[in-house]
C-alpha atoms as a PDB file:
ATOM      1  CA  PHE A   1     102.069 108.024 104.250  1.00  0.00           C
ATOM      2  CA  ARG A   2     104.645 110.465 105.578  1.00  0.00           C
ATOM      3  CA  SER A   3     106.679 108.360 108.041  1.00  0.00           C
ATOM      4  CA  ALA A   4     103.968 105.731 108.680  1.00  0.00           C
ATOM      5  CA  THR A   5     104.442 102.551 106.654  1.00  0.00           C
ATOM      6  CA  PHE A   6     102.348  99.438 106.212  1.00  0.00           C
ATOM      7  CA  GLY A   7     103.128  96.760 108.795  1.00  0.00           C
ATOM      8  CA  MET A   8     103.911  99.206 111.628  1.00  0.00           C
ATOM      9  CA  SER A   9     102.614  98.550 115.144  1.00  0.00           C
ATOM     10  CA  GLU A  10     100.156 100.903 116.845  1.00  0.00           C
ATOM     11  CA  ALA A  11     102.933 102.330 119.060  1.00  0.00           C
ATOM     12  CA  ASP A  12     105.091 103.044 116.008  1.00  0.00           C
ATOM     13  CA  VAL A  13     102.204 104.728 114.191  1.00  0.00           C
ATOM     14  CA  ARG A  14     101.411 106.877 117.237  1.00  0.00           C
ATOM     15  CA  ALA A  15     105.045 108.036 117.264  1.00  0.00           C
ATOM     16  CA  ALA A  16     104.879 108.734 113.502  1.00  0.00           C
ATOM     17  CA  ILE A  17     101.709 110.824 113.922  1.00  0.00           C
ATOM     18  CA  VAL A  18     103.319 112.938 116.647  1.00  0.00           C
ATOM     19  CA  LYS A  19     106.469 113.390 114.533  1.00  0.00           C
ATOM     20  CA  ASP A  20     104.701 114.038 111.203  1.00  0.00           C
ATOM     21  CA  PHE A  21     102.067 116.485 112.411  1.00  0.00           C
ATOM     22  CA  GLY A  22     103.545 117.979 115.578  1.00  0.00           C
ATOM     23  CA  VAL A  23     100.517 117.038 117.673  1.00  0.00           C
ATOM     24  CA  LYS A  24     100.424 115.956 121.277  1.00  0.00           C
ATOM     25  CA  PRO A  25      99.737 112.259 121.886  1.00  0.00           C
ATOM     26  CA  THR A  26      96.404 113.247 123.481  1.00  0.00           C
ATOM     27  CA  ALA A  27      95.227 114.609 120.092  1.00  0.00           C
ATOM     28  CA  ILE A  28      95.165 111.051 118.705  1.00  0.00           C
ATOM     29  CA  ILE A  29      91.738 109.449 119.031  1.00  0.00           C
ATOM     30  CA  SER A  30      91.477 105.677 119.289  1.00  0.00           C
ATOM     31  CA  GLY A  31      88.431 103.733 118.128  1.00  0.00           C
ATOM     32  CA  GLN A  32      87.217 100.557 116.512  1.00  0.00           C
ATOM     33  CA  ASN A  33      85.461  99.588 113.321  1.00  0.00           C
ATOM     34  CA  ALA A  34      82.889  97.170 114.733  1.00  0.00           C
ATOM     35  CA  ALA A  35      82.063  95.507 111.399  1.00  0.00           C
ATOM     36  CA  GLU A  36      85.673  94.911 110.348  1.00  0.00           C
ATOM     37  CA  ARG A  37      86.869  94.468 113.948  1.00  0.00           C
ATOM     38  CA  THR A  38      89.862  96.657 113.311  1.00  0.00           C
ATOM     39  CA  GLN A  39      91.520  99.259 115.524  1.00  0.00           C
ATOM     40  CA  VAL A  40      91.588 102.858 114.213  1.00  0.00           C
ATOM     41  CA  LEU A  41      93.657 105.882 115.222  1.00  0.00           C
ATOM     42  CA  SER A  42      92.472 109.297 114.000  1.00  0.00           C
ATOM     43  CA  VAL A  43      93.838 112.813 114.133  1.00  0.00           C
ATOM     44  CA  ALA A  44      92.683 116.175 112.762  1.00  0.00           C
ATOM     45  CA  VAL A  45      95.415 117.838 110.689  1.00  0.00           C
ATOM     46  CA  PRO A  46      95.152 121.482 109.575  1.00  0.00           C
ATOM     47  CA  ASP A  47      96.581 122.144 106.100  1.00  0.00           C
ATOM     48  CA  LEU A  48      97.627 118.551 105.486  1.00  0.00           C
ATOM     49  CA  LEU A  49      97.482 119.664 101.865  1.00  0.00           C
ATOM     50  CA  GLN A  50      98.784 123.242 101.811  1.00  0.00           C
ATOM     51  CA  GLY A  51      95.766 125.568 101.781  1.00  0.00           C
ATOM     52  CA  GLY A  52      93.450 122.559 101.624  1.00  0.00           C
ATOM     53  CA  GLY A  53      91.720 122.918 104.977  1.00  0.00           C
ATOM     54  CA  THR A  54      91.664 120.576 107.937  1.00  0.00           C
ATOM     55  CA  ALA A  55      91.653 116.860 107.142  1.00  0.00           C
ATOM     56  CA  GLN A  56      90.823 113.851 109.285  1.00  0.00           C
ATOM     57  CA  VAL A  57      93.593 111.254 108.966  1.00  0.00           C
ATOM     58  CA  SER A  58      92.823 107.687 110.068  1.00  0.00           C
ATOM     59  CA  TYR A  59      95.168 104.737 110.472  1.00  0.00           C
ATOM     60  CA  VAL A  60      93.635 101.242 110.422  1.00  0.00           C
ATOM     61  CA  PHE A  61      95.242  98.170 111.995  1.00  0.00           C
ATOM     62  CA  GLY A  62      94.498  94.671 110.755  1.00  0.00           C
ATOM     63  CA  TYR A  63      92.089  92.303 112.471  1.00  0.00           C
ATOM     64  CA  LYS A  64      94.628  89.472 112.710  1.00  0.00           C
ATOM     65  CA  SER A  65      97.992  91.199 112.227  1.00  0.00           C
ATOM     66  CA  LYS A  66      97.306  94.220 114.485  1.00  0.00           C
ATOM     67  CA  THR A  67      99.635  96.169 112.167  1.00  0.00           C
ATOM     68  CA  LEU A  68      98.966  99.109 109.849  1.00  0.00           C
ATOM     69  CA  ILE A  69      96.965  97.984 106.797  1.00  0.00           C
ATOM     70  CA  GLN A  70      95.235 101.160 105.631  1.00  0.00           C
ATOM     71  CA  ILE A  71      95.390 104.943 105.863  1.00  0.00           C
ATOM     72  CA  GLY A  72      92.425 107.159 105.093  1.00  0.00           C
ATOM     73  CA  VAL A  73      92.233 110.915 104.710  1.00  0.00           C
ATOM     74  CA  SER A  74      88.986 112.834 104.519  1.00  0.00           C
ATOM     75  CA  TRP A  75      88.214 116.469 103.864  1.00  0.00           C
ATOM     76  CA  SER A  76      84.635 117.594 104.494  1.00  0.00           C
ATOM     77  CA  ARG A  77      82.583 120.031 106.547  1.00  0.00           C
ATOM     78  CA  ALA A  78      82.826 117.484 109.371  1.00  0.00           C
ATOM     79  CA  SER A  79      86.619 117.877 109.427  1.00  0.00           C
ATOM     80  CA  ASP A  80      86.567 121.592 108.572  1.00  0.00           C
ATOM     81  CA  PRO A  81      83.332 123.617 108.937  1.00  0.00           C
ATOM     82  CA  LYS A  82      84.727 126.213 106.474  1.00  0.00           C
ATOM     83  CA  MET A  83      85.184 123.648 103.679  1.00  0.00           C
ATOM     84  CA  THR A  84      83.385 124.517 100.436  1.00  0.00           C
ATOM     85  CA  PRO A  85      82.561 122.439  97.351  1.00  0.00           C
ATOM     86  CA  ASP A  86      85.044 124.537  95.352  1.00  0.00           C
ATOM     87  CA  GLU A  87      87.819 123.724  97.844  1.00  0.00           C
ATOM     88  CA  LEU A  88      86.988 120.017  97.617  1.00  0.00           C
ATOM     89  CA  TYR A  89      87.201 120.182  93.806  1.00  0.00           C
ATOM     90  CA  ALA A  90      90.525 122.049  94.020  1.00  0.00           C
ATOM     91  CA  ASP A  91      92.017 119.627  96.567  1.00  0.00           C
ATOM     92  CA  GLY A  92      90.903 116.707  94.406  1.00  0.00           C
ATOM     93  CA  ASP A  93      92.468 118.198  91.275  1.00  0.00           C
ATOM     94  CA  VAL A  94      95.779 118.837  93.052  1.00  0.00           C
ATOM     95  CA  LEU A  95      95.943 115.299  94.423  1.00  0.00           C
ATOM     96  CA  ARG A  96      94.871 113.640  91.154  1.00  0.00           C
ATOM     97  CA  SER A  97      97.625 115.517  89.307  1.00  0.00           C
ATOM     98  CA  HIS A  98     100.138 114.461  91.943  1.00  0.00           C
ATOM     99  CA  PHE A  99      99.150 110.786  91.757  1.00  0.00           C
ATOM    100  CA  MET A 100      99.175 110.740  87.947  1.00  0.00           C
ATOM    101  CA  THR A 101     102.921 111.419  88.031  1.00  0.00           C
ATOM    102  CA  ALA A 102     103.782 109.387  91.146  1.00  0.00           C
ATOM    103  CA  GLY A 103     104.915 106.187  89.430  1.00  0.00           C
ATOM    104  CA  TYR A 104     101.849 103.945  89.722  1.00  0.00           C
ATOM    105  CA  GLN A 105     101.601 100.951  87.399  1.00  0.00           C
ATOM    106  CA  PRO A 106     100.100 102.454  84.187  1.00  0.00           C
ATOM    107  CA  ALA A 107      97.721  99.526  83.586  1.00  0.00           C
ATOM    108  CA  SER A 108      96.236  99.957  87.077  1.00  0.00           C
ATOM    109  CA  ILE A 109      95.358 103.647  86.750  1.00  0.00           C
ATOM    110  CA  LYS A 110      91.730 104.631  86.471  1.00  0.00           C
ATOM    111  CA  THR A 111      90.387 108.201  86.527  1.00  0.00           C
ATOM    112  CA  GLY A 112      87.133 110.047  85.999  1.00  0.00           C
ATOM    113  CA  LEU A 113      84.747 107.171  86.659  1.00  0.00           C
ATOM    114  CA  VAL A 114      81.257 108.170  87.772  1.00  0.00           C
ATOM    115  CA  LEU A 115      80.128 106.310  90.888  1.00  0.00           C
ATOM    116  CA  PRO A 116      76.692 106.333  92.538  1.00  0.00           C
ATOM    117  CA  ASN A 117      77.989 108.656  95.268  1.00  0.00           C
ATOM    118  CA  GLY A 118      80.608 110.697  93.405  1.00  0.00           C
ATOM    119  CA  ILE A 119      83.545 110.546  91.018  1.00  0.00           C
ATOM    120  CA  LEU A 120      86.595 108.302  91.189  1.00  0.00           C
ATOM    121  CA  LEU A 121      89.322 110.864  90.576  1.00  0.00           C
ATOM    122  CA  PHE A 122      92.153 108.338  90.776  1.00  0.00           C
ATOM    123  CA  ARG A 123      92.845 104.697  91.479  1.00  0.00           C
ATOM    124  CA  GLY A 124      96.230 103.134  91.015  1.00  0.00           C
ATOM    125  CA  GLU A 125      98.499 100.406  92.343  1.00  0.00           C
ATOM    126  CA  ASP A 126     102.220 100.491  92.887  1.00  0.00           C
ATOM    127  CA  ALA A 127     104.610  97.654  92.016  1.00  0.00           C
ATOM    128  CA  SER A 128     103.863  95.994  95.393  1.00  0.00           C
ATOM    129  CA  GLY A 129     100.089  95.975  94.807  1.00  0.00           C
ATOM    130  CA  HIS A 130      99.376  98.738  97.320  1.00  0.00           C
ATOM    131  CA  ALA A 131      96.402 100.802  96.138  1.00  0.00           C
ATOM    132  CA  THR A 132      95.659 104.502  96.275  1.00  0.00           C
ATOM    133  CA  ILE A 133      92.057 105.605  95.768  1.00  0.00           C
ATOM    134  CA  LEU A 134      90.804 109.204  95.564  1.00  0.00           C
ATOM    135  CA  ILE A 135      87.052 109.833  95.451  1.00  0.00           C
ATOM    136  CA  LEU A 136      85.169 113.126  95.290  1.00  0.00           C
ATOM    137  CA  GLN A 137      81.957 112.256  97.112  1.00  0.00           C
ATOM    138  CA  GLY A 138      78.656 114.097  97.001  1.00  0.00           C
ATOM    139  CA  ASP A 139      75.208 114.384  95.548  1.00  0.00           C
ATOM    140  CA  PHE A 140      74.248 114.438  91.885  1.00  0.00           C
ATOM    141  CA  LYS A 141      71.519 116.796  90.707  1.00  0.00           C
ATOM    142  CA  ALA A 142      69.909 116.852  87.293  1.00  0.00           C
ATOM    143  CA  GLY A 143      70.853 119.795  85.109  1.00  0.00           C
ATOM    144  CA  ALA A 144      68.386 122.192  83.503  1.00  0.00           C
ATOM    145  CA  ASP A 145      68.091 119.872  80.492  1.00  0.00           C
ATOM    146  CA  GLY A 146      67.141 116.988  82.795  1.00  0.00           C
ATOM    147  CA  LYS A 147      69.886 114.808  81.317  1.00  0.00           C
ATOM    148  CA  GLN A 148      73.274 116.006  82.474  1.00  0.00           C
ATOM    149  CA  ARG A 149      73.947 115.499  86.162  1.00  0.00           C
ATOM    150  CA  THR A 150      76.137 117.798  88.226  1.00  0.00           C
ATOM    151  CA  LEU A 151      78.023 116.729  91.332  1.00  0.00           C
ATOM    152  CA  THR A 152      77.902 118.905  94.417  1.00  0.00           C
ATOM    153  CA  PRO A 153      80.804 117.555  96.458  1.00  0.00           C
ATOM    154  CA  THR A 154      80.446 117.033 100.194  1.00  0.00           C
ATOM    155  CA  ALA A 155      83.730 115.204 100.867  1.00  0.00           C
ATOM    156  CA  LEU A 156      87.040 114.197  99.383  1.00  0.00           C
ATOM    157  CA  ALA A 157      88.244 110.754 100.458  1.00  0.00           C
ATOM    158  CA  LEU A 158      91.754 109.400  99.975  1.00  0.00           C
ATOM    159  CA  LEU A 159      92.587 105.807 100.829  1.00  0.00           C
ATOM    160  CA  TYR A 160      95.902 103.971 100.876  1.00  0.00           C
ATOM    161  CA  SER A 161      95.518 100.189 101.199  1.00  0.00           C
ATOM    162  CA  ALA A 162      98.284  97.635 101.750  1.00  0.00           C
ATOM    163  CA  ASP A 163      96.350  94.762 100.176  1.00  0.00           C
ATOM    164  CA  PRO A 164      93.057  95.821  98.575  1.00  0.00           C
ATOM    165  CA  GLN A 165      92.402  92.309  97.221  1.00  0.00           C
ATOM    166  CA  ASN A 166      92.717  90.604 100.623  1.00  0.00           C
ATOM    167  CA  PRO A 167      92.246  93.125 103.429  1.00  0.00           C
ATOM    168  CA  ASP A 168      93.024  91.978 106.984  1.00  0.00           C
ATOM    169  CA  VAL A 169      89.483  92.467 108.299  1.00  0.00           C
ATOM    170  CA  PHE A 170      87.024  90.183 110.070  1.00  0.00           C
ATOM    171  CA  LYS A 171      85.179  87.803 107.739  1.00  0.00           C
ATOM    172  CA  VAL A 172      82.830  84.948 108.455  1.00  0.00           C
ATOM    173  CA  ALA A 173      84.589  81.856 107.138  1.00  0.00           C
ATOM    174  CA  PRO A 174      82.702  79.599 104.706  1.00  0.00           C
ATOM    175  CA  GLY A 175      80.622  77.059 106.644  1.00  0.00           C
ATOM    176  CA  GLN A 176      81.123  78.931 109.919  1.00  0.00           C
ATOM    177  CA  PHE A 177      77.616  80.365 110.011  1.00  0.00           C
END
């Protein structure tokens, strides 16, 4: 994602964030995912997607490797109080169109799947098995006919994963508990 690549150290990713987004190092927030026991760096980025509002970009470092394993981007009212459902739909459409022509393995591409909490706009893997997932999240409400459901989006989530089949996160080993 931009100049950050899977396998980078935290110091290298911090430098990439400063370079890519022109932010001061103090704008980068460090935290942990307690369940996965991974380190996370986050930064707010205005107009990450031109005209798309402010996004929260997060970089996740592996439990064992301590290197970059995942990048997440989220647009919502939490990242941008001015964000509207229409803007989330528009951002999602722009990104889905971009990913459809970005060279993902054709057999791995999935689009338009209804999920309990939204719509999978895109999922694809590149030749190295790295996955990209784009989900328009929100609440479904029954239509006037009581049958058709309509999504009111509350967030757009984009995830890049180095190894979606075997993520480098904490797991209880068989027989360990």
